[in-house]
N, C-alpha and C. Protein backbone atom coordinates (compact mmCIF):
# COMPACT_ATOMS: atom_id res chain seq x y z
N UNK A 1 62.66 100.82 54.22
CA UNK A 1 63.49 101.86 54.78
C UNK A 1 63.40 101.81 56.30
N UNK A 2 64.55 101.81 56.95
CA UNK A 2 64.58 101.80 58.41
C UNK A 2 64.68 103.23 58.92
N UNK A 3 64.05 103.44 60.05
CA UNK A 3 64.16 104.78 60.61
C UNK A 3 65.19 104.77 61.72
N UNK A 4 65.86 105.87 61.85
CA UNK A 4 66.93 105.99 62.85
C UNK A 4 66.31 106.15 64.23
N UNK A 5 66.94 105.49 65.19
CA UNK A 5 66.49 105.60 66.57
C UNK A 5 67.09 106.83 67.23
N UNK A 6 66.33 107.43 68.09
CA UNK A 6 66.87 108.56 68.85
C UNK A 6 67.73 108.02 69.98
N UNK A 7 68.50 108.87 70.56
CA UNK A 7 69.36 108.46 71.69
C UNK A 7 68.50 107.97 72.85
N UNK A 8 67.37 108.61 73.07
CA UNK A 8 66.47 108.21 74.17
C UNK A 8 65.93 106.80 73.93
N UNK A 9 65.57 106.49 72.68
CA UNK A 9 65.07 105.15 72.36
C UNK A 9 66.17 104.10 72.54
N UNK A 10 67.38 104.44 72.13
CA UNK A 10 68.50 103.51 72.33
C UNK A 10 68.73 103.24 73.81
N UNK A 11 68.68 104.30 74.61
CA UNK A 11 68.92 104.15 76.05
C UNK A 11 67.83 103.29 76.68
N UNK A 12 66.56 103.50 76.29
CA UNK A 12 65.47 102.66 76.82
C UNK A 12 65.69 101.21 76.43
N UNK A 13 66.11 100.96 75.20
CA UNK A 13 66.38 99.60 74.74
C UNK A 13 67.50 98.95 75.55
N UNK A 14 68.56 99.74 75.82
CA UNK A 14 69.67 99.21 76.63
C UNK A 14 69.20 98.85 78.03
N UNK A 15 68.38 99.72 78.62
CA UNK A 15 67.87 99.45 79.97
C UNK A 15 66.98 98.22 80.00
N UNK A 16 66.08 98.07 78.97
CA UNK A 16 65.23 96.87 78.91
C UNK A 16 66.07 95.60 78.78
N UNK A 17 67.09 95.65 77.93
CA UNK A 17 67.96 94.48 77.75
C UNK A 17 68.69 94.15 79.04
N UNK A 18 69.16 95.15 79.74
CA UNK A 18 69.87 94.92 81.00
C UNK A 18 68.93 94.31 82.04
N UNK A 19 67.69 94.85 82.14
CA UNK A 19 66.71 94.30 83.08
C UNK A 19 66.39 92.85 82.75
N UNK A 20 66.19 92.56 81.44
CA UNK A 20 65.89 91.19 81.04
C UNK A 20 67.03 90.26 81.44
N UNK A 21 68.26 90.69 81.17
CA UNK A 21 69.41 89.83 81.49
C UNK A 21 69.51 89.58 82.99
N UNK A 22 69.27 90.62 83.79
CA UNK A 22 69.34 90.43 85.25
C UNK A 22 68.28 89.44 85.73
N UNK A 23 67.08 89.48 85.14
CA UNK A 23 66.01 88.56 85.53
C UNK A 23 66.29 87.14 85.03
N UNK A 24 66.91 87.03 83.86
CA UNK A 24 67.09 85.73 83.20
C UNK A 24 68.56 85.33 83.06
N UNK A 25 69.38 85.77 83.99
CA UNK A 25 70.82 85.53 83.90
C UNK A 25 71.17 84.05 83.77
N UNK A 26 70.64 83.23 84.65
CA UNK A 26 70.97 81.79 84.62
C UNK A 26 70.49 81.14 83.32
N UNK A 27 69.31 81.50 82.88
CA UNK A 27 68.78 80.95 81.63
C UNK A 27 69.64 81.36 80.44
N UNK A 28 70.06 82.63 80.43
CA UNK A 28 70.90 83.13 79.34
C UNK A 28 72.26 82.44 79.34
N UNK A 29 72.84 82.26 80.53
CA UNK A 29 74.14 81.58 80.62
C UNK A 29 74.03 80.15 80.13
N UNK A 30 72.97 79.45 80.53
CA UNK A 30 72.78 78.06 80.11
C UNK A 30 72.60 77.99 78.59
N UNK A 31 71.82 78.92 78.05
CA UNK A 31 71.57 78.95 76.60
C UNK A 31 72.89 79.17 75.84
N UNK A 32 73.71 80.10 76.33
CA UNK A 32 74.99 80.38 75.67
C UNK A 32 75.94 79.19 75.79
N UNK A 33 75.95 78.57 76.97
CA UNK A 33 76.81 77.40 77.17
C UNK A 33 76.39 76.27 76.22
N UNK A 34 75.09 76.04 76.10
CA UNK A 34 74.58 75.00 75.20
C UNK A 34 74.94 75.32 73.75
N UNK A 35 74.80 76.58 73.35
CA UNK A 35 75.13 76.99 71.99
C UNK A 35 76.60 76.73 71.69
N UNK A 36 77.46 77.12 72.64
CA UNK A 36 78.90 76.91 72.43
C UNK A 36 79.24 75.43 72.34
N UNK A 37 78.57 74.60 73.16
CA UNK A 37 78.84 73.17 73.12
C UNK A 37 78.41 72.58 71.77
N UNK A 38 77.27 73.00 71.26
CA UNK A 38 76.76 72.46 70.00
C UNK A 38 77.51 73.02 68.79
N UNK A 39 78.05 74.22 68.91
CA UNK A 39 78.69 74.89 67.77
C UNK A 39 80.15 75.24 68.05
N UNK A 40 80.83 74.35 68.75
CA UNK A 40 82.21 74.61 69.17
C UNK A 40 83.11 74.97 67.99
N UNK A 41 83.01 74.21 66.92
CA UNK A 41 83.88 74.46 65.77
C UNK A 41 83.56 75.81 65.13
N UNK A 42 82.29 76.13 65.02
CA UNK A 42 81.87 77.40 64.43
C UNK A 42 82.34 78.58 65.29
N UNK A 43 82.22 78.44 66.60
CA UNK A 43 82.61 79.52 67.51
C UNK A 43 84.12 79.74 67.46
N UNK A 44 84.90 78.68 67.55
CA UNK A 44 86.36 78.82 67.60
C UNK A 44 86.98 79.10 66.24
N UNK A 45 86.33 78.64 65.15
CA UNK A 45 86.93 78.85 63.83
C UNK A 45 87.02 80.33 63.50
N UNK A 46 86.03 81.10 63.89
CA UNK A 46 86.08 82.54 63.65
C UNK A 46 87.21 83.20 64.41
N UNK A 47 87.42 82.77 65.63
CA UNK A 47 88.49 83.33 66.45
C UNK A 47 89.85 82.95 65.85
N UNK A 48 90.00 81.69 65.50
CA UNK A 48 91.26 81.21 64.92
C UNK A 48 91.55 81.94 63.61
N UNK A 49 90.52 82.07 62.78
CA UNK A 49 90.69 82.76 61.50
C UNK A 49 91.11 84.21 61.72
N UNK A 50 90.43 84.91 62.64
CA UNK A 50 90.78 86.31 62.89
C UNK A 50 92.22 86.43 63.40
N UNK A 51 92.62 85.53 64.30
CA UNK A 51 93.99 85.58 64.83
C UNK A 51 95.02 85.35 63.73
N UNK A 52 94.72 84.47 62.78
CA UNK A 52 95.65 84.24 61.67
C UNK A 52 95.69 85.43 60.72
N UNK A 53 94.56 86.09 60.54
CA UNK A 53 94.49 87.23 59.61
C UNK A 53 95.09 88.51 60.20
N UNK A 54 95.15 88.60 61.52
CA UNK A 54 95.60 89.83 62.18
C UNK A 54 96.70 89.55 63.21
N UNK A 55 97.83 88.97 62.81
CA UNK A 55 98.86 88.63 63.80
C UNK A 55 99.45 89.86 64.49
N UNK A 56 99.52 90.98 63.80
CA UNK A 56 100.08 92.18 64.42
C UNK A 56 99.16 92.69 65.53
N UNK A 57 97.84 92.61 65.34
CA UNK A 57 96.91 93.02 66.39
C UNK A 57 96.97 92.07 67.58
N UNK A 58 97.07 90.77 67.29
CA UNK A 58 97.16 89.78 68.36
C UNK A 58 98.41 90.04 69.20
N UNK A 59 99.54 90.30 68.53
CA UNK A 59 100.79 90.58 69.26
C UNK A 59 100.66 91.86 70.07
N UNK A 60 100.04 92.87 69.49
CA UNK A 60 99.87 94.14 70.19
C UNK A 60 98.99 93.98 71.43
N UNK A 61 97.88 93.25 71.29
CA UNK A 61 96.99 93.03 72.44
C UNK A 61 97.70 92.24 73.52
N UNK A 62 98.42 91.19 73.12
CA UNK A 62 99.13 90.37 74.10
C UNK A 62 100.19 91.17 74.82
N UNK A 63 100.96 91.97 74.07
CA UNK A 63 102.00 92.79 74.66
C UNK A 63 101.39 93.81 75.64
N UNK A 64 100.27 94.42 75.22
CA UNK A 64 99.61 95.40 76.08
C UNK A 64 99.11 94.79 77.37
N UNK A 65 98.50 93.60 77.28
CA UNK A 65 98.03 92.92 78.50
C UNK A 65 99.19 92.59 79.41
N UNK A 66 100.27 92.08 78.82
CA UNK A 66 101.45 91.74 79.61
C UNK A 66 102.00 92.98 80.32
N UNK A 67 102.13 94.09 79.59
CA UNK A 67 102.70 95.30 80.18
C UNK A 67 101.81 95.86 81.29
N UNK A 68 100.50 95.86 81.06
CA UNK A 68 99.59 96.35 82.12
C UNK A 68 99.65 95.47 83.36
N UNK A 69 99.71 94.14 83.16
CA UNK A 69 99.78 93.22 84.29
C UNK A 69 101.10 93.40 85.04
N UNK A 70 102.22 93.52 84.30
CA UNK A 70 103.53 93.73 84.93
C UNK A 70 103.55 95.03 85.73
N UNK A 71 103.01 96.10 85.14
CA UNK A 71 102.98 97.38 85.85
C UNK A 71 102.14 97.31 87.12
N UNK A 72 101.01 96.60 87.05
CA UNK A 72 100.15 96.47 88.23
C UNK A 72 100.84 95.68 89.33
N UNK A 73 101.56 94.63 88.96
CA UNK A 73 102.29 93.83 89.96
C UNK A 73 103.42 94.66 90.57
N UNK A 74 104.15 95.40 89.75
CA UNK A 74 105.22 96.23 90.29
C UNK A 74 104.66 97.27 91.25
N UNK A 75 103.53 97.85 90.91
CA UNK A 75 102.89 98.84 91.79
C UNK A 75 102.49 98.19 93.12
N UNK A 76 101.95 96.99 93.05
CA UNK A 76 101.51 96.29 94.27
C UNK A 76 102.70 95.95 95.16
N UNK A 77 103.80 95.52 94.57
CA UNK A 77 105.00 95.21 95.35
C UNK A 77 105.55 96.48 95.99
N UNK A 78 105.59 97.57 95.22
CA UNK A 78 106.11 98.83 95.74
C UNK A 78 105.26 99.34 96.89
N UNK A 79 103.94 99.28 96.76
CA UNK A 79 103.05 99.73 97.83
C UNK A 79 103.23 98.87 99.08
N UNK A 80 103.43 97.57 98.89
CA UNK A 80 103.63 96.68 100.03
C UNK A 80 104.89 97.04 100.81
N UNK A 81 105.89 97.57 100.12
CA UNK A 81 107.14 97.97 100.78
C UNK A 81 107.15 99.45 101.15
N UNK A 82 106.04 100.14 100.89
CA UNK A 82 105.92 101.54 101.27
C UNK A 82 106.79 102.47 100.45
N UNK A 83 106.94 102.19 99.18
CA UNK A 83 107.77 103.02 98.31
C UNK A 83 107.11 103.14 96.95
N UNK A 84 107.75 103.86 96.04
CA UNK A 84 107.25 103.93 94.67
C UNK A 84 107.93 102.85 93.84
N UNK A 85 107.52 102.72 92.58
CA UNK A 85 108.10 101.69 91.71
C UNK A 85 109.52 102.11 91.35
N UNK A 86 110.50 101.37 91.86
CA UNK A 86 111.91 101.67 91.64
C UNK A 86 112.73 100.44 92.01
N UNK A 87 114.02 100.49 91.72
CA UNK A 87 114.92 99.41 92.13
C UNK A 87 115.06 99.46 93.65
N UNK A 88 114.87 98.32 94.29
CA UNK A 88 114.87 98.26 95.75
C UNK A 88 116.17 97.66 96.29
N UNK A 89 117.28 97.96 95.62
CA UNK A 89 118.56 97.39 96.05
C UNK A 89 118.92 97.84 97.47
N UNK A 90 118.45 99.01 97.88
CA UNK A 90 118.81 99.53 99.19
C UNK A 90 118.14 98.77 100.33
N UNK A 91 117.04 98.06 100.06
CA UNK A 91 116.39 97.29 101.13
C UNK A 91 116.58 95.79 100.94
N UNK A 92 117.36 95.39 99.93
CA UNK A 92 117.63 93.96 99.70
C UNK A 92 118.62 93.50 100.77
N UNK A 93 118.33 92.39 101.43
CA UNK A 93 119.20 91.95 102.52
C UNK A 93 120.59 91.45 102.10
N UNK A 94 120.76 91.06 100.84
CA UNK A 94 122.01 90.42 100.43
C UNK A 94 122.93 91.27 99.56
N UNK A 95 122.55 92.49 99.24
CA UNK A 95 123.38 93.31 98.36
C UNK A 95 124.37 94.10 99.21
N UNK A 96 125.69 93.93 98.97
CA UNK A 96 126.69 94.60 99.79
C UNK A 96 126.76 96.10 99.50
N UNK A 97 127.33 96.83 100.43
CA UNK A 97 127.42 98.28 100.33
C UNK A 97 128.18 98.76 99.12
N UNK A 98 129.26 98.04 98.73
CA UNK A 98 130.05 98.53 97.59
C UNK A 98 129.27 98.48 96.29
N UNK A 99 128.29 97.60 96.18
CA UNK A 99 127.49 97.54 94.96
C UNK A 99 126.47 98.68 94.93
N UNK A 100 126.14 99.22 96.08
CA UNK A 100 125.15 100.29 96.14
C UNK A 100 125.67 101.59 95.53
N UNK A 101 126.99 101.69 95.34
CA UNK A 101 127.52 102.91 94.71
C UNK A 101 127.24 102.94 93.21
N UNK A 102 126.96 101.76 92.62
CA UNK A 102 126.61 101.71 91.20
C UNK A 102 125.19 102.21 91.03
N UNK A 103 124.97 103.02 90.03
CA UNK A 103 123.61 103.47 89.73
C UNK A 103 122.80 102.33 89.15
N UNK A 104 121.52 102.51 89.11
CA UNK A 104 120.65 101.48 88.56
C UNK A 104 120.68 101.55 87.04
N UNK A 105 120.46 100.40 86.41
CA UNK A 105 120.42 100.33 84.96
C UNK A 105 119.53 99.18 84.54
N UNK A 106 118.72 99.41 83.54
CA UNK A 106 117.94 98.34 82.94
C UNK A 106 116.53 98.25 83.50
N UNK A 107 115.78 97.36 82.88
CA UNK A 107 114.38 97.15 83.24
C UNK A 107 114.25 96.50 84.61
N UNK A 108 113.19 96.83 85.31
CA UNK A 108 112.93 96.22 86.61
C UNK A 108 112.40 94.81 86.44
N UNK A 109 112.79 93.93 87.37
CA UNK A 109 112.26 92.57 87.37
C UNK A 109 112.02 92.15 88.82
N UNK A 110 111.26 91.06 88.99
CA UNK A 110 110.92 90.58 90.32
C UNK A 110 112.10 89.82 90.91
N UNK A 111 112.29 89.99 92.18
CA UNK A 111 113.36 89.32 92.89
C UNK A 111 112.78 88.63 94.10
N UNK A 112 113.17 87.39 94.33
CA UNK A 112 112.79 86.64 95.52
C UNK A 112 113.96 86.76 96.50
N UNK A 113 113.93 87.66 97.47
CA UNK A 113 115.10 87.86 98.34
C UNK A 113 115.47 86.63 99.16
N UNK A 114 114.52 85.73 99.38
CA UNK A 114 114.82 84.53 100.16
C UNK A 114 115.17 83.35 99.27
N UNK A 115 115.31 83.59 97.97
CA UNK A 115 115.67 82.53 97.04
C UNK A 115 114.46 81.73 96.58
N UNK A 116 114.68 80.83 95.65
CA UNK A 116 113.63 79.94 95.16
C UNK A 116 112.81 80.51 94.02
N UNK A 117 113.20 81.65 93.48
CA UNK A 117 112.42 82.28 92.42
C UNK A 117 112.40 81.49 91.13
N UNK A 118 113.53 80.94 90.75
CA UNK A 118 113.61 80.18 89.51
C UNK A 118 112.76 78.90 89.62
N UNK A 119 112.86 78.23 90.76
CA UNK A 119 112.07 77.02 90.97
C UNK A 119 110.57 77.35 90.97
N UNK A 120 110.22 78.43 91.65
CA UNK A 120 108.82 78.86 91.73
C UNK A 120 108.26 79.15 90.35
N UNK A 121 109.01 79.89 89.55
CA UNK A 121 108.55 80.24 88.20
C UNK A 121 108.50 79.00 87.31
N UNK A 122 109.46 78.10 87.46
CA UNK A 122 109.49 76.89 86.64
C UNK A 122 108.31 75.97 86.97
N UNK A 123 107.98 75.86 88.25
CA UNK A 123 106.89 74.98 88.67
C UNK A 123 105.52 75.56 88.34
N UNK A 124 105.35 76.85 88.53
CA UNK A 124 104.03 77.46 88.41
C UNK A 124 103.84 78.31 87.16
N UNK A 125 104.93 78.79 86.56
CA UNK A 125 104.84 79.69 85.42
C UNK A 125 104.78 81.14 85.88
N UNK A 126 105.32 82.02 85.07
CA UNK A 126 105.38 83.43 85.46
C UNK A 126 103.99 84.06 85.51
N UNK A 127 103.08 83.59 84.65
CA UNK A 127 101.72 84.12 84.67
C UNK A 127 101.05 83.83 86.01
N UNK A 128 101.20 82.60 86.49
CA UNK A 128 100.58 82.22 87.78
C UNK A 128 101.17 83.03 88.93
N UNK A 129 102.46 83.33 88.86
CA UNK A 129 103.10 84.13 89.91
C UNK A 129 102.52 85.54 89.91
N UNK A 130 102.45 86.17 88.74
CA UNK A 130 101.94 87.55 88.69
C UNK A 130 100.46 87.61 89.05
N UNK A 131 99.67 86.69 88.57
CA UNK A 131 98.24 86.68 88.90
C UNK A 131 98.06 86.39 90.39
N UNK A 132 98.91 85.54 90.96
CA UNK A 132 98.84 85.27 92.39
C UNK A 132 99.10 86.51 93.22
N UNK A 133 100.05 87.33 92.79
CA UNK A 133 100.34 88.59 93.50
C UNK A 133 99.15 89.54 93.37
N UNK A 134 98.62 89.66 92.16
CA UNK A 134 97.50 90.58 91.94
C UNK A 134 96.24 90.14 92.68
N UNK A 135 95.98 88.85 92.75
CA UNK A 135 94.76 88.35 93.38
C UNK A 135 94.87 88.29 94.91
N UNK A 136 96.09 88.38 95.42
CA UNK A 136 96.26 88.31 96.87
C UNK A 136 96.60 86.92 97.39
N UNK A 137 96.68 85.92 96.50
CA UNK A 137 97.06 84.58 96.95
C UNK A 137 98.54 84.50 97.31
N UNK A 138 99.34 85.43 96.77
CA UNK A 138 100.76 85.51 97.09
C UNK A 138 101.03 86.84 97.77
N UNK A 139 101.91 86.81 98.74
CA UNK A 139 102.22 88.01 99.51
C UNK A 139 103.23 88.87 98.75
N UNK A 140 102.88 90.13 98.41
CA UNK A 140 103.83 90.97 97.68
C UNK A 140 105.07 91.33 98.50
N UNK A 141 105.02 91.15 99.82
CA UNK A 141 106.20 91.40 100.65
C UNK A 141 107.28 90.34 100.44
N UNK A 142 106.93 89.23 99.80
CA UNK A 142 107.90 88.18 99.53
C UNK A 142 108.75 88.49 98.30
N UNK A 143 108.50 89.62 97.64
CA UNK A 143 109.20 89.98 96.41
C UNK A 143 109.77 91.39 96.53
N UNK A 144 110.82 91.64 95.76
CA UNK A 144 111.39 92.98 95.61
C UNK A 144 111.52 93.26 94.12
N UNK A 145 111.73 94.51 93.78
CA UNK A 145 112.00 94.89 92.39
C UNK A 145 113.47 95.27 92.29
N UNK A 146 114.18 94.68 91.33
CA UNK A 146 115.58 95.03 91.11
C UNK A 146 115.78 95.39 89.64
N UNK A 147 116.67 96.35 89.40
CA UNK A 147 117.03 96.69 88.03
C UNK A 147 117.92 95.57 87.48
N UNK A 148 118.20 95.62 86.21
CA UNK A 148 119.00 94.57 85.57
C UNK A 148 120.40 94.45 86.19
N UNK A 149 121.03 95.57 86.49
CA UNK A 149 122.36 95.55 87.09
C UNK A 149 122.36 94.79 88.41
N UNK A 150 121.49 95.15 89.32
CA UNK A 150 121.46 94.51 90.63
C UNK A 150 120.92 93.08 90.55
N UNK A 151 120.08 92.80 89.56
CA UNK A 151 119.59 91.43 89.36
C UNK A 151 120.74 90.53 88.90
N UNK A 152 121.59 91.03 87.99
CA UNK A 152 122.74 90.24 87.53
C UNK A 152 123.66 89.94 88.71
N UNK A 153 123.91 90.94 89.54
CA UNK A 153 124.79 90.72 90.68
C UNK A 153 124.22 89.65 91.59
N UNK A 154 122.92 89.64 91.75
CA UNK A 154 122.28 88.74 92.71
C UNK A 154 122.16 87.31 92.20
N UNK A 155 122.51 87.05 90.95
CA UNK A 155 122.46 85.68 90.43
C UNK A 155 123.50 84.82 91.12
N UNK A 156 123.31 83.52 91.06
CA UNK A 156 124.29 82.61 91.63
C UNK A 156 125.62 82.80 90.92
N UNK A 157 126.74 82.68 91.62
CA UNK A 157 128.04 82.95 91.01
C UNK A 157 128.31 82.20 89.71
N UNK A 158 127.85 80.99 89.56
CA UNK A 158 128.09 80.25 88.34
C UNK A 158 127.36 80.82 87.15
N UNK A 159 126.27 81.52 87.39
CA UNK A 159 125.46 82.07 86.29
C UNK A 159 125.85 83.49 85.95
N UNK A 160 126.57 84.17 86.81
CA UNK A 160 126.86 85.58 86.55
C UNK A 160 128.30 85.75 86.14
N UNK A 161 128.54 86.68 85.25
CA UNK A 161 129.90 87.02 84.84
C UNK A 161 130.33 88.23 85.63
N UNK A 162 131.57 88.62 85.46
CA UNK A 162 132.10 89.76 86.21
C UNK A 162 131.33 91.02 85.88
N UNK A 163 131.01 91.77 86.89
CA UNK A 163 130.36 93.06 86.72
C UNK A 163 131.41 94.14 86.58
N UNK A 164 131.04 95.29 86.04
CA UNK A 164 132.01 96.37 85.95
C UNK A 164 132.50 96.75 87.34
N UNK A 165 133.78 97.00 87.46
CA UNK A 165 134.32 97.41 88.76
C UNK A 165 133.96 98.87 89.01
N UNK A 166 134.25 99.34 90.20
CA UNK A 166 133.90 100.72 90.54
C UNK A 166 134.69 101.72 89.68
N UNK A 167 135.83 101.27 89.07
CA UNK A 167 136.60 102.18 88.22
C UNK A 167 135.97 102.31 86.83
N UNK A 168 135.13 101.34 86.42
CA UNK A 168 134.57 101.39 85.07
C UNK A 168 133.51 102.48 85.00
N UNK A 169 133.11 102.78 83.78
CA UNK A 169 132.20 103.90 83.58
C UNK A 169 130.75 103.55 83.89
N UNK A 170 130.40 102.26 83.96
CA UNK A 170 129.04 101.82 84.25
C UNK A 170 128.03 102.42 83.26
N UNK A 171 128.42 102.47 82.00
CA UNK A 171 127.53 102.99 80.97
C UNK A 171 126.62 101.87 80.48
N UNK A 172 125.55 102.21 79.81
CA UNK A 172 124.69 101.16 79.26
C UNK A 172 125.43 100.21 78.32
N UNK A 173 126.43 100.71 77.61
CA UNK A 173 127.21 99.83 76.72
C UNK A 173 127.97 98.78 77.53
N UNK A 174 128.57 99.22 78.68
CA UNK A 174 129.26 98.27 79.55
C UNK A 174 128.28 97.22 80.07
N UNK A 175 127.09 97.67 80.45
CA UNK A 175 126.11 96.74 81.01
C UNK A 175 125.60 95.78 79.95
N UNK A 176 125.47 96.22 78.70
CA UNK A 176 125.03 95.32 77.64
C UNK A 176 126.05 94.21 77.45
N UNK A 177 127.35 94.54 77.55
CA UNK A 177 128.38 93.51 77.46
C UNK A 177 128.23 92.49 78.58
N UNK A 178 128.00 92.99 79.79
CA UNK A 178 127.82 92.10 80.94
C UNK A 178 126.58 91.24 80.74
N UNK A 179 125.49 91.85 80.26
CA UNK A 179 124.26 91.12 80.06
C UNK A 179 124.42 90.05 78.99
N UNK A 180 125.13 90.34 77.91
CA UNK A 180 125.35 89.37 76.85
C UNK A 180 126.18 88.20 77.34
N UNK A 181 127.10 88.46 78.25
CA UNK A 181 127.96 87.39 78.78
C UNK A 181 127.21 86.50 79.73
N UNK A 182 126.19 87.03 80.41
CA UNK A 182 125.48 86.22 81.42
C UNK A 182 124.41 85.37 80.82
C-alpha cells in the first residue's frame, strides 16, 4: 500500500528535482540525447501512433498554434505602425482615394507595400516570414495589414477581377463573388 504525499512533500520533491537539474543540466541533456539516438524508433513511434489515433486533436493544436502566431504577428505589425490591429488601407501608399470609400471586408492578411511578397513567401515559406517578424529578424514596418477587399484590389491586374463599383452594395455576398472569381 502506498501512502499519499502531502502538498509540502510534493513541493520539496519538485524543488530537489529542480536543483538537481540545474546542477546536472549538461549531463541530463547528454543522457537524453544519447537515449533518443539509441531509441529513435521507440521515441518517434509513440508520437506517430498518437497522431494517427487523434487526428482531430492534432488538427486542433495545429490550428491553435497557427492562429496564435498569426495574431501575434498582426499585433506586432500594428504596434510598429502605431495603431491597433485593423485594415491599414488608409496608410497604404498605392491605394487610391476612391477605393477608400469602400468599407473593409474579410480576414486580415499581410501586405508587402513595396512588392515582392509572393516571391518572398515562395522562397522562404510563410512560416519563416511570420517567425522572422516575431523574432525581430524581419522589420514589421515592411508589412501592412489589409482586409480581403483591399488585398484583392492591390493584386496585379492580371490576377484580380473587377471589384464592385461604388454603386454596388458591397455586401459580403458581392465580395464572395469577387473572391471566387479571383
